[in-house]
């Protein structure tokens, strides 16, 4: 099952520093998910000043529970970088993620 995840960073003064501190662990986990086929697409969400304010991901998990298990160990969640997370099941229609 594929999911679109939109995760917005906190808007407080410390949010950019939390993101920067958690980034190496976040990227390490993302690379592992790419290798095992769970992370199909990821993008940084930007504000009008081209500053990162969140993330957009398309992931593949066998169940919603498996996705929730991953979120419980995701470094940006643990470090409280992502403050608002929306999850939607999806069916890619075209592009690289189709059939992945």
Protein backbone atom coordinates (compact mmCIF):
# COMPACT_ATOMS: atom_id res chain seq x y z
CA UNK A 1 0.00 0.00 0.00
CA UNK A 2 1.32 3.42 -0.90
CA UNK A 3 0.96 6.56 1.20
CA UNK A 4 1.55 10.27 0.73
CA UNK A 5 2.93 11.89 3.86
CA UNK A 6 3.01 15.65 4.32
CA UNK A 7 4.95 16.56 7.43
CA UNK A 8 5.27 20.19 8.47
CA UNK A 9 8.05 21.47 10.70
CA UNK A 10 7.40 23.46 13.82
CA UNK A 11 7.29 27.22 13.28
CA UNK A 12 9.15 28.08 16.51
CA UNK A 13 12.58 29.68 16.62
CA UNK A 14 14.33 26.37 17.38
CA UNK A 15 12.79 24.43 14.49
CA UNK A 16 15.63 24.93 11.95
CA UNK A 17 18.25 23.85 14.50
CA UNK A 18 16.26 20.70 15.38
CA UNK A 19 16.00 19.83 11.67
CA UNK A 20 19.72 20.34 11.13
CA UNK A 21 20.65 18.24 14.17
CA UNK A 22 18.37 15.33 13.18
CA UNK A 23 19.16 15.46 9.46
CA UNK A 24 22.06 12.94 9.36
CA UNK A 25 20.00 10.24 11.11
CA UNK A 26 16.95 11.11 8.98
CA UNK A 27 18.97 10.74 5.75
CA UNK A 28 20.53 7.48 6.94
CA UNK A 29 17.08 6.03 7.54
CA UNK A 30 15.78 7.43 4.23
CA UNK A 31 18.63 5.77 2.33
CA UNK A 32 17.83 2.43 3.97
CA UNK A 33 14.17 2.86 2.99
CA UNK A 34 15.18 3.62 -0.61
CA UNK A 35 17.28 0.45 -0.74
CA UNK A 36 14.45 -1.74 0.55
CA UNK A 37 11.86 -0.11 -1.71
CA UNK A 38 9.78 1.65 0.95
CA UNK A 39 10.66 5.25 0.06
CA UNK A 40 9.53 6.00 -3.47
CA UNK A 41 9.79 9.81 -3.51
CA UNK A 42 10.74 12.60 -1.13
CA UNK A 43 10.86 16.38 -1.37
CA UNK A 44 11.55 19.30 0.93
CA UNK A 45 8.64 21.71 1.27
CA UNK A 46 9.76 25.33 1.04
CA UNK A 47 8.35 28.66 2.12
CA UNK A 48 8.44 31.85 0.00
CA UNK A 49 12.05 32.43 1.10
CA UNK A 50 13.15 28.96 -0.10
CA UNK A 51 13.58 27.79 3.50
CA UNK A 52 12.63 24.20 4.33
CA UNK A 53 9.40 24.06 6.33
CA UNK A 54 8.47 20.41 5.94
CA UNK A 55 8.66 17.24 3.90
CA UNK A 56 6.58 15.37 1.35
CA UNK A 57 7.08 11.62 0.97
CA UNK A 58 5.54 8.82 -1.01
CA UNK A 59 6.18 5.54 0.80
CA UNK A 60 5.21 1.92 0.48
CA UNK A 61 4.24 -0.11 3.55
CA UNK A 62 2.29 -3.35 3.79
CA UNK A 63 -0.14 -1.75 6.28
CA UNK A 64 -0.91 1.57 7.94
CA UNK A 65 0.33 0.02 11.19
CA UNK A 66 3.76 -0.59 9.61
CA UNK A 67 3.85 3.05 8.53
CA UNK A 68 3.00 4.13 12.08
CA UNK A 69 5.78 1.86 13.42
CA UNK A 70 8.24 3.58 11.09
CA UNK A 71 7.05 7.02 12.19
CA UNK A 72 7.69 6.05 15.82
CA UNK A 73 11.42 5.69 15.04
CA UNK A 74 11.74 8.41 12.35
CA UNK A 75 14.43 10.87 13.56
CA UNK A 76 12.41 13.96 12.57
CA UNK A 77 9.51 12.71 14.68
CA UNK A 78 11.70 11.81 17.65
CA UNK A 79 13.47 15.21 17.50
CA UNK A 80 10.12 17.02 17.17
CA UNK A 81 11.09 18.50 13.80
CA UNK A 82 7.80 17.44 12.23
CA UNK A 83 4.97 18.99 14.23
CA UNK A 84 2.04 18.21 11.92
CA UNK A 85 1.79 15.00 9.88
CA UNK A 86 -0.93 14.20 7.35
CA UNK A 87 -1.08 10.70 5.90
CA UNK A 88 -3.17 9.65 2.91
CA UNK A 89 -3.28 6.30 1.11
CA UNK A 90 -2.65 6.85 -2.60
CA UNK A 91 -2.42 5.16 -5.96
CA UNK A 92 0.25 6.64 -8.23
CA UNK A 93 -1.13 7.06 -11.73
CA UNK A 94 2.08 7.77 -13.67
CA UNK A 95 5.73 8.43 -13.05
CA UNK A 96 8.55 6.48 -11.48
CA UNK A 97 6.52 5.29 -8.46
CA UNK A 98 3.96 3.38 -10.55
CA UNK A 99 4.23 -0.30 -9.76
CA UNK A 100 7.02 0.28 -7.26
